Amino acid sequence: MKNRNEQFVVLAVDDDPYVLESVSLLLKGHGYSVEQCSSAEEALDLLRHNFDVVLTDVQMPALSGIELLGRIHSTNPDLPVILMTGYADLDIAIDAIKKGAFDFITKPYNARHLIHSIEKAIRYGSLLRAEKHYKSMLEDTVKKRTEELTDALTMVKRVSTEIIQRLINVAEFRDTETGAHISRIGLYANKIAEELNMPDDFVETIAFAGPMHDIGKVGIPDNILLKPAALSSNEFDIMKNHTVIGN
């Protein structure tokens, strides 16, 4: 809604100057700002400016009020349009409502009815604008939160990659004899997953996980891990524990 000191603006369209002046005086007396024009063509030119409601006669030369309604809603479907006519034809009224007219008033108009219709149209237009503004703010908020989440996930991924690489380096440092094997496993796992047409996220995960398969060796004592000779049965049992340690 507008501030208390701001006026709502009504565009009044009628080829009868007496009706146009009467309507304008009535609306101005109720605090509305009014722009007048005597044809639909002139109204279309004025609609480059902002109006809160359009009040138009139906029967006008060249372009009728019904046609004006269609033109308005083709570019601004949320602008309330109230139609007035001296011919209370049911078919015209039905056609107007089908084409999106906010209200349909017969002439000679009832002043109280007309003002009530204008007030309802104002509230309707304000609610539509408020809803659009809310949706726009909501979309902006969702977009911002999505970007923040994406940045956070990227940071987590970068940190995770760094941690994994450091752990791999530790494993390679502890066991120089099989260190290259660790990197090769990661490469092989990645290529196999790609050949199997696995999802991209799975391929990426297996590439990270592959080199970690022997990380548990960091918990094996050096005298066993680096022993140049064959391991005893007891030593081999300890060596096998690297699979448990790695978990």
C-alpha atoms as a PDB file:
ATOM      1  CA  MET A   1       0.000   0.000   0.000  1.00  0.00           C
ATOM      2  CA  LYS A   2       1.032   3.614  -0.525  1.00  0.00           C
ATOM      3  CA  ASN A   3       1.990   5.964   2.260  1.00  0.00           C
ATOM      4  CA  ARG A   4      -0.822   7.915   3.878  1.00  0.00           C
ATOM      5  CA  ASN A   5       0.181  11.124   2.097  1.00  0.00           C
ATOM      6  CA  GLU A   6       0.316   9.512  -1.343  1.00  0.00           C
ATOM      7  CA  GLN A   7      -2.747   9.526  -3.600  1.00  0.00           C
ATOM      8  CA  PHE A   8      -3.993   6.592  -5.595  1.00  0.00           C
ATOM      9  CA  VAL A   9      -4.294   7.460  -9.282  1.00  0.00           C
ATOM     10  CA  VAL A  10      -7.335   6.527 -11.379  1.00  0.00           C
ATOM     11  CA  LEU A  11      -7.441   6.741 -15.153  1.00  0.00           C
ATOM     12  CA  ALA A  12     -11.008   7.641 -16.209  1.00  0.00           C
ATOM     13  CA  VAL A  13     -11.922   6.987 -19.866  1.00  0.00           C
ATOM     14  CA  ASP A  14     -15.237   8.076 -21.411  1.00  0.00           C
ATOM     15  CA  ASP A  15     -16.221   9.782 -24.660  1.00  0.00           C
ATOM     16  CA  ASP A  16     -19.046  11.609 -22.840  1.00  0.00           C
ATOM     17  CA  PRO A  17     -17.453  14.755 -21.304  1.00  0.00           C
ATOM     18  CA  TYR A  18     -20.281  15.190 -18.773  1.00  0.00           C
ATOM     19  CA  VAL A  19     -19.891  11.665 -17.406  1.00  0.00           C
ATOM     20  CA  LEU A  20     -16.116  12.064 -17.407  1.00  0.00           C
ATOM     21  CA  GLU A  21     -16.282  15.310 -15.434  1.00  0.00           C
ATOM     22  CA  SER A  22     -18.869  13.908 -13.004  1.00  0.00           C
ATOM     23  CA  VAL A  23     -16.800  10.807 -12.292  1.00  0.00           C
ATOM     24  CA  SER A  24     -13.625  12.866 -11.876  1.00  0.00           C
ATOM     25  CA  LEU A  25     -15.234  15.232  -9.375  1.00  0.00           C
ATOM     26  CA  LEU A  26     -16.614  12.301  -7.381  1.00  0.00           C
ATOM     27  CA  LEU A  27     -13.267  10.519  -7.208  1.00  0.00           C
ATOM     28  CA  LYS A  28     -11.310  13.665  -6.378  1.00  0.00           C
ATOM     29  CA  GLY A  29     -13.800  14.358  -3.604  1.00  0.00           C
ATOM     30  CA  HIS A  30     -12.826  10.992  -2.093  1.00  0.00           C
ATOM     31  CA  GLY A  31      -9.109  11.733  -2.207  1.00  0.00           C
ATOM     32  CA  TYR A  32      -8.139  10.138  -5.498  1.00  0.00           C
ATOM     33  CA  SER A  33      -5.952  11.680  -8.178  1.00  0.00           C
ATOM     34  CA  VAL A  34      -7.666  11.428 -11.582  1.00  0.00           C
ATOM     35  CA  GLU A  35      -6.367  11.495 -15.144  1.00  0.00           C
ATOM     36  CA  GLN A  36      -9.067  11.994 -17.812  1.00  0.00           C
ATOM     37  CA  CYS A  37      -9.185  10.987 -21.460  1.00  0.00           C
ATOM     38  CA  SER A  38     -11.991  10.659 -23.996  1.00  0.00           C
ATOM     39  CA  SER A  39     -10.830   7.663 -26.045  1.00  0.00           C
ATOM     40  CA  ALA A  40      -9.220   4.258 -25.619  1.00  0.00           C
ATOM     41  CA  GLU A  41      -6.392   5.295 -27.927  1.00  0.00           C
ATOM     42  CA  GLU A  42      -5.536   8.236 -25.688  1.00  0.00           C
ATOM     43  CA  ALA A  43      -5.768   5.946 -22.651  1.00  0.00           C
ATOM     44  CA  LEU A  44      -3.200   3.578 -24.138  1.00  0.00           C
ATOM     45  CA  ASP A  45      -0.768   6.479 -24.522  1.00  0.00           C
ATOM     46  CA  LEU A  46      -1.318   7.559 -20.921  1.00  0.00           C
ATOM     47  CA  LEU A  47      -0.778   4.024 -19.636  1.00  0.00           C
ATOM     48  CA  ARG A  48       2.931   4.548 -20.065  1.00  0.00           C
ATOM     49  CA  HIS A  49       2.556   6.153 -16.632  1.00  0.00           C
ATOM     50  CA  ASN A  50       1.548   4.295 -13.483  1.00  0.00           C
ATOM     51  CA  PHE A  51      -2.112   4.005 -12.515  1.00  0.00           C
ATOM     52  CA  ASP A  52      -3.752   2.101  -9.700  1.00  0.00           C
ATOM     53  CA  VAL A  53      -7.128   1.599 -11.421  1.00  0.00           C
ATOM     54  CA  VAL A  54      -8.621   2.155 -14.876  1.00  0.00           C
ATOM     55  CA  LEU A  55     -12.299   3.140 -15.069  1.00  0.00           C
ATOM     56  CA  THR A  56     -13.542   2.998 -18.646  1.00  0.00           C
ATOM     57  CA  ASP A  57     -16.748   3.255 -20.631  1.00  0.00           C
ATOM     58  CA  VAL A  58     -17.610   0.251 -22.806  1.00  0.00           C
ATOM     59  CA  GLN A  59     -19.224   1.953 -25.811  1.00  0.00           C
ATOM     60  CA  MET A  60     -16.650   4.240 -27.416  1.00  0.00           C
ATOM     61  CA  PRO A  61     -15.799   5.001 -31.051  1.00  0.00           C
ATOM     62  CA  ALA A  62     -12.902   3.197 -32.761  1.00  0.00           C
ATOM     63  CA  LEU A  63     -11.723   1.132 -29.802  1.00  0.00           C
ATOM     64  CA  SER A  64     -14.248  -0.110 -27.230  1.00  0.00           C
ATOM     65  CA  GLY A  65     -13.755  -0.465 -23.501  1.00  0.00           C
ATOM     66  CA  ILE A  66     -13.684  -4.265 -23.886  1.00  0.00           C
ATOM     67  CA  GLU A  67     -10.877  -3.959 -26.441  1.00  0.00           C
ATOM     68  CA  LEU A  68      -9.050  -1.508 -24.179  1.00  0.00           C
ATOM     69  CA  LEU A  69      -9.341  -4.038 -21.359  1.00  0.00           C
ATOM     70  CA  GLY A  70      -7.679  -6.678 -23.553  1.00  0.00           C
ATOM     71  CA  ARG A  71      -4.877  -4.306 -24.566  1.00  0.00           C
ATOM     72  CA  ILE A  72      -4.197  -3.334 -20.946  1.00  0.00           C
ATOM     73  CA  HIS A  73      -4.070  -6.888 -19.663  1.00  0.00           C
ATOM     74  CA  SER A  74      -1.816  -8.018 -22.500  1.00  0.00           C
ATOM     75  CA  THR A  75       0.954  -5.908 -20.961  1.00  0.00           C
ATOM     76  CA  ASN A  76      -0.208  -5.360 -17.377  1.00  0.00           C
ATOM     77  CA  PRO A  77      -2.495  -8.196 -16.257  1.00  0.00           C
ATOM     78  CA  ASP A  78      -2.466  -7.025 -12.636  1.00  0.00           C
ATOM     79  CA  LEU A  79      -3.931  -3.559 -13.308  1.00  0.00           C
ATOM     80  CA  PRO A  80      -7.614  -3.554 -12.185  1.00  0.00           C
ATOM     81  CA  VAL A  81     -10.005  -2.365 -14.908  1.00  0.00           C
ATOM     82  CA  ILE A  82     -13.604  -1.368 -14.081  1.00  0.00           C
ATOM     83  CA  LEU A  83     -16.053  -1.103 -16.982  1.00  0.00           C
ATOM     84  CA  MET A  84     -19.085   1.228 -17.155  1.00  0.00           C
ATOM     85  CA  THR A  85     -21.903   1.118 -19.691  1.00  0.00           C
ATOM     86  CA  GLY A  86     -25.302   2.670 -20.281  1.00  0.00           C
ATOM     87  CA  TYR A  87     -26.424  -0.595 -21.886  1.00  0.00           C
ATOM     88  CA  ALA A  88     -26.973  -3.240 -19.254  1.00  0.00           C
ATOM     89  CA  ASP A  89     -26.413  -6.125 -21.626  1.00  0.00           C
ATOM     90  CA  LEU A  90     -25.791  -9.459 -19.903  1.00  0.00           C
ATOM     91  CA  ASP A  91     -23.657 -10.761 -22.768  1.00  0.00           C
ATOM     92  CA  ILE A  92     -21.400  -7.697 -22.566  1.00  0.00           C
ATOM     93  CA  ALA A  93     -21.052  -8.110 -18.819  1.00  0.00           C
ATOM     94  CA  ILE A  94     -20.172 -11.803 -19.147  1.00  0.00           C
ATOM     95  CA  ASP A  95     -17.652 -11.055 -21.900  1.00  0.00           C
ATOM     96  CA  ALA A  96     -16.065  -8.349 -19.747  1.00  0.00           C
ATOM     97  CA  ILE A  97     -15.706 -10.636 -16.740  1.00  0.00           C
ATOM     98  CA  LYS A  98     -14.248 -13.414 -18.896  1.00  0.00           C
ATOM     99  CA  LYS A  99     -11.641 -10.989 -20.202  1.00  0.00           C
ATOM    100  CA  GLY A 100     -10.587 -10.037 -16.706  1.00  0.00           C
ATOM    101  CA  ALA A 101     -12.651  -6.952 -15.834  1.00  0.00           C
ATOM    102  CA  PHE A 102     -12.506  -6.292 -12.090  1.00  0.00           C
ATOM    103  CA  ASP A 103     -16.073  -4.958 -11.965  1.00  0.00           C
ATOM    104  CA  PHE A 104     -18.936  -3.962 -14.246  1.00  0.00           C
ATOM    105  CA  ILE A 105     -21.036  -0.857 -13.468  1.00  0.00           C
ATOM    106  CA  THR A 106     -24.152   0.398 -15.245  1.00  0.00           C
ATOM    107  CA  LYS A 107     -24.993   4.028 -15.971  1.00  0.00           C
ATOM    108  CA  PRO A 108     -26.352   6.132 -14.475  1.00  0.00           C
ATOM    109  CA  TYR A 109     -23.913   4.938 -11.848  1.00  0.00           C
ATOM    110  CA  ASN A 110     -24.566   4.798  -8.133  1.00  0.00           C
ATOM    111  CA  ALA A 111     -21.887   7.000  -6.498  1.00  0.00           C
ATOM    112  CA  ARG A 112     -21.538   4.805  -3.424  1.00  0.00           C
ATOM    113  CA  HIS A 113     -21.311   1.670  -5.543  1.00  0.00           C
ATOM    114  CA  LEU A 114     -18.662   3.245  -7.775  1.00  0.00           C
ATOM    115  CA  ILE A 115     -16.502   4.409  -4.857  1.00  0.00           C
ATOM    116  CA  HIS A 116     -16.818   0.986  -3.200  1.00  0.00           C
ATOM    117  CA  SER A 117     -15.717  -0.678  -6.442  1.00  0.00           C
ATOM    118  CA  ILE A 118     -12.718   1.648  -6.742  1.00  0.00           C
ATOM    119  CA  GLU A 119     -11.715   0.926  -3.136  1.00  0.00           C
ATOM    120  CA  LYS A 120     -11.906  -2.823  -3.710  1.00  0.00           C
ATOM    121  CA  ALA A 121      -9.852  -2.514  -6.892  1.00  0.00           C
ATOM    122  CA  ILE A 122      -7.209  -0.489  -5.027  1.00  0.00           C
ATOM    123  CA  ARG A 123      -6.931  -3.151  -2.325  1.00  0.00           C
ATOM    124  CA  TYR A 124      -6.788  -5.902  -4.927  1.00  0.00           C
ATOM    125  CA  GLY A 125      -3.988  -4.200  -6.860  1.00  0.00           C
ATOM    126  CA  SER A 126      -2.051  -3.488  -3.663  1.00  0.00           C
ATOM    127  CA  LEU A 127      -2.300  -7.121  -2.581  1.00  0.00           C
ATOM    128  CA  LEU A 128      -1.037  -8.318  -5.961  1.00  0.00           C
ATOM    129  CA  ARG A 129       1.936  -5.963  -5.794  1.00  0.00           C
ATOM    130  CA  ALA A 130       2.694  -7.026  -2.224  1.00  0.00           C
ATOM    131  CA  GLU A 131       2.544 -10.683  -3.249  1.00  0.00           C
ATOM    132  CA  LYS A 132       4.908 -10.089  -6.167  1.00  0.00           C
ATOM    133  CA  HIS A 133       7.279  -8.157  -3.930  1.00  0.00           C
ATOM    134  CA  TYR A 134       7.228 -10.975  -1.367  1.00  0.00           C
ATOM    135  CA  LYS A 135       7.894 -13.597  -4.047  1.00  0.00           C
ATOM    136  CA  SER A 136      10.740 -11.511  -5.453  1.00  0.00           C
ATOM    137  CA  MET A 137      12.287 -11.152  -1.988  1.00  0.00           C
ATOM    138  CA  LEU A 138      11.828 -14.877  -1.367  1.00  0.00           C
ATOM    139  CA  GLU A 139      13.498 -15.745  -4.682  1.00  0.00           C
ATOM    140  CA  ASP A 140      16.388 -13.410  -3.896  1.00  0.00           C
ATOM    141  CA  THR A 141      16.773 -14.958  -0.441  1.00  0.00           C
ATOM    142  CA  VAL A 142      16.723 -18.508  -1.844  1.00  0.00           C
ATOM    143  CA  LYS A 143      19.271 -17.517  -4.506  1.00  0.00           C
ATOM    144  CA  LYS A 144      21.544 -15.941  -1.891  1.00  0.00           C
ATOM    145  CA  ARG A 145      21.288 -18.934   0.450  1.00  0.00           C
ATOM    146  CA  THR A 146      21.947 -21.315  -2.455  1.00  0.00           C
ATOM    147  CA  GLU A 147      25.076 -19.369  -3.402  1.00  0.00           C
ATOM    148  CA  GLU A 148      26.235 -19.389   0.231  1.00  0.00           C
ATOM    149  CA  LEU A 149      25.639 -23.150   0.459  1.00  0.00           C
ATOM    150  CA  THR A 150      27.511 -23.731  -2.804  1.00  0.00           C
ATOM    151  CA  ASP A 151      30.462 -21.682  -1.525  1.00  0.00           C
ATOM    152  CA  ALA A 152      30.422 -23.587   1.768  1.00  0.00           C
ATOM    153  CA  LEU A 153      30.356 -26.969   0.009  1.00  0.00           C
ATOM    154  CA  THR A 154      33.205 -25.863  -2.267  1.00  0.00           C
ATOM    155  CA  MET A 155      35.249 -24.885   0.785  1.00  0.00           C
ATOM    156  CA  VAL A 156      34.474 -28.200   2.521  1.00  0.00           C
ATOM    157  CA  LYS A 157      35.464 -30.078  -0.618  1.00  0.00           C
ATOM    158  CA  ARG A 158      38.722 -28.138  -0.889  1.00  0.00           C
ATOM    159  CA  VAL A 159      39.565 -28.755   2.774  1.00  0.00           C
ATOM    160  CA  SER A 160      38.641 -32.444   2.479  1.00  0.00           C
ATOM    161  CA  THR A 161      40.848 -32.810  -0.578  1.00  0.00           C
ATOM    162  CA  GLU A 162      43.747 -31.207   1.270  1.00  0.00           C
ATOM    163  CA  ILE A 163      43.271 -33.466   4.298  1.00  0.00           C
ATOM    164  CA  ILE A 164      43.119 -36.569   2.101  1.00  0.00           C
ATOM    165  CA  GLN A 165      46.265 -35.550   0.262  1.00  0.00           C
ATOM    166  CA  ARG A 166      48.097 -34.984   3.525  1.00  0.00           C
ATOM    167  CA  LEU A 167      47.044 -38.390   4.822  1.00  0.00           C
ATOM    168  CA  ILE A 168      48.217 -39.977   1.568  1.00  0.00           C
ATOM    169  CA  ASN A 169      51.530 -38.186   1.929  1.00  0.00           C
ATOM    170  CA  VAL A 170      51.863 -39.546   5.478  1.00  0.00           C
ATOM    171  CA  ALA A 171      51.167 -43.084   4.259  1.00  0.00           C
ATOM    172  CA  GLU A 172      53.665 -42.729   1.422  1.00  0.00           C
ATOM    173  CA  PHE A 173      56.279 -41.328   3.810  1.00  0.00           C
ATOM    174  CA  ARG A 174      55.830 -44.273   6.206  1.00  0.00           C
ATOM    175  CA  ASP A 175      56.025 -46.919   3.477  1.00  0.00           C
ATOM    176  CA  THR A 176      58.255 -45.772   0.644  1.00  0.00           C
ATOM    177  CA  GLU A 177      58.281 -49.234  -0.905  1.00  0.00           C
ATOM    178  CA  THR A 178      54.546 -49.271  -1.696  1.00  0.00           C
ATOM    179  CA  GLY A 179      53.817 -45.533  -1.588  1.00  0.00           C
ATOM    180  CA  ALA A 180      53.348 -45.209  -5.351  1.00  0.00           C
ATOM    181  CA  HIS A 181      50.886 -48.092  -5.148  1.00  0.00           C
ATOM    182  CA  ILE A 182      48.573 -45.821  -3.126  1.00  0.00           C
ATOM    183  CA  SER A 183      48.400 -43.199  -5.875  1.00  0.00           C
ATOM    184  CA  ARG A 184      48.010 -45.814  -8.600  1.00  0.00           C
ATOM    185  CA  ILE A 185      45.007 -47.353  -6.852  1.00  0.00           C
ATOM    186  CA  GLY A 186      43.277 -43.964  -6.837  1.00  0.00           C
ATOM    187  CA  LEU A 187      43.964 -43.520 -10.548  1.00  0.00           C
ATOM    188  CA  TYR A 188      42.826 -47.041 -11.444  1.00  0.00           C
ATOM    189  CA  ALA A 189      39.648 -46.737  -9.363  1.00  0.00           C
ATOM    190  CA  ASN A 190      38.816 -43.454 -11.073  1.00  0.00           C
ATOM    191  CA  LYS A 191      39.318 -44.856 -14.581  1.00  0.00           C
ATOM    192  CA  ILE A 192      37.341 -48.035 -13.874  1.00  0.00           C
ATOM    193  CA  ALA A 193      34.424 -46.026 -12.472  1.00  0.00           C
ATOM    194  CA  GLU A 194      34.428 -43.812 -15.573  1.00  0.00           C
ATOM    195  CA  GLU A 195      34.470 -46.860 -17.889  1.00  0.00           C
ATOM    196  CA  LEU A 196      31.507 -48.279 -15.962  1.00  0.00           C
ATOM    197  CA  ASN A 197      29.633 -45.010 -16.625  1.00  0.00           C
ATOM    198  CA  MET A 198      29.121 -44.408 -12.946  1.00  0.00           C
ATOM    199  CA  PRO A 199      27.629 -41.036 -11.862  1.00  0.00           C
ATOM    200  CA  ASP A 200      30.077 -38.139 -11.716  1.00  0.00           C
ATOM    201  CA  ASP A 201      29.798 -37.784  -7.942  1.00  0.00           C
ATOM    202  CA  PHE A 202      30.607 -41.491  -7.520  1.00  0.00           C
ATOM    203  CA  VAL A 203      33.637 -41.209  -9.818  1.00  0.00           C
ATOM    204  CA  GLU A 204      34.866 -38.239  -7.798  1.00  0.00           C
ATOM    205  CA  THR A 205      34.289 -40.040  -4.488  1.00  0.00           C
ATOM    206  CA  ILE A 206      36.067 -43.217  -5.561  1.00  0.00           C
ATOM    207  CA  ALA A 207      39.019 -41.155  -6.797  1.00  0.00           C
ATOM    208  CA  PHE A 208      39.333 -39.701  -3.294  1.00  0.00           C
ATOM    209  CA  ALA A 209      38.636 -42.957  -1.465  1.00  0.00           C
ATOM    210  CA  GLY A 210      40.933 -45.207  -3.542  1.00  0.00           C
ATOM    211  CA  PRO A 211      44.243 -43.807  -2.287  1.00  0.00           C
ATOM    212  CA  MET A 212      42.957 -44.072   1.304  1.00  0.00           C
ATOM    213  CA  HIS A 213      42.683 -47.857   1.287  1.00  0.00           C
ATOM    214  CA  ASP A 214      46.079 -48.368   2.980  1.00  0.00           C
ATOM    215  CA  ILE A 215      45.957 -45.338   5.285  1.00  0.00           C
ATOM    216  CA  GLY A 216      45.772 -47.673   8.283  1.00  0.00           C
ATOM    217  CA  LYS A 217      49.444 -48.559   7.757  1.00  0.00           C
ATOM    218  CA  VAL A 218      50.343 -45.373   9.633  1.00  0.00           C
ATOM    219  CA  GLY A 219      49.367 -47.290  12.789  1.00  0.00           C
ATOM    220  CA  ILE A 220      51.646 -50.265  12.111  1.00  0.00           C
ATOM    221  CA  PRO A 221      54.980 -50.263  13.947  1.00  0.00           C
ATOM    222  CA  ASP A 222      58.009 -49.503  11.748  1.00  0.00           C
ATOM    223  CA  ASN A 223      59.750 -52.764  12.648  1.00  0.00           C
ATOM    224  CA  ILE A 224      56.869 -54.623  11.005  1.00  0.00           C
ATOM    225  CA  LEU A 225      55.824 -52.199   8.272  1.00  0.00           C
ATOM    226  CA  LEU A 226      59.390 -51.675   7.036  1.00  0.00           C
ATOM    227  CA  LYS A 227      60.752 -55.149   7.772  1.00  0.00           C
ATOM    228  CA  PRO A 228      62.809 -56.226   4.725  1.00  0.00           C
ATOM    229  CA  ALA A 229      62.344 -59.934   5.439  1.00  0.00           C
ATOM    230  CA  ALA A 230      59.217 -62.060   5.464  1.00  0.00           C
ATOM    231  CA  LEU A 231      56.805 -61.396   8.293  1.00  0.00           C
ATOM    232  CA  SER A 232      56.195 -63.945  11.002  1.00  0.00           C
ATOM    233  CA  SER A 233      52.678 -65.247  11.564  1.00  0.00           C
ATOM    234  CA  ASN A 234      52.216 -62.908  14.540  1.00  0.00           C
ATOM    235  CA  GLU A 235      53.667 -59.947  12.598  1.00  0.00           C
ATOM    236  CA  PHE A 236      51.397 -60.667   9.659  1.00  0.00           C
ATOM    237  CA  ASP A 237      48.376 -60.631  11.981  1.00  0.00           C
ATOM    238  CA  ILE A 238      49.477 -57.201  13.201  1.00  0.00           C
ATOM    239  CA  MET A 239      50.000 -56.029   9.612  1.00  0.00           C
ATOM    240  CA  LYS A 240      46.471 -57.114   8.708  1.00  0.00           C
ATOM    241  CA  ASN A 241      45.149 -54.788  11.387  1.00  0.00           C
ATOM    242  CA  HIS A 242      45.888 -51.830   9.093  1.00  0.00           C
ATOM    243  CA  THR A 243      42.505 -52.448   7.473  1.00  0.00           C
ATOM    244  CA  VAL A 244      40.822 -51.974  10.831  1.00  0.00           C
ATOM    245  CA  ILE A 245      42.972 -48.991  11.804  1.00  0.00           C
ATOM    246  CA  GLY A 246      42.121 -47.303   8.504  1.00  0.00           C
ATOM    247  CA  ASN A 247      38.433 -47.406   9.271  1.00  0.00           C
END
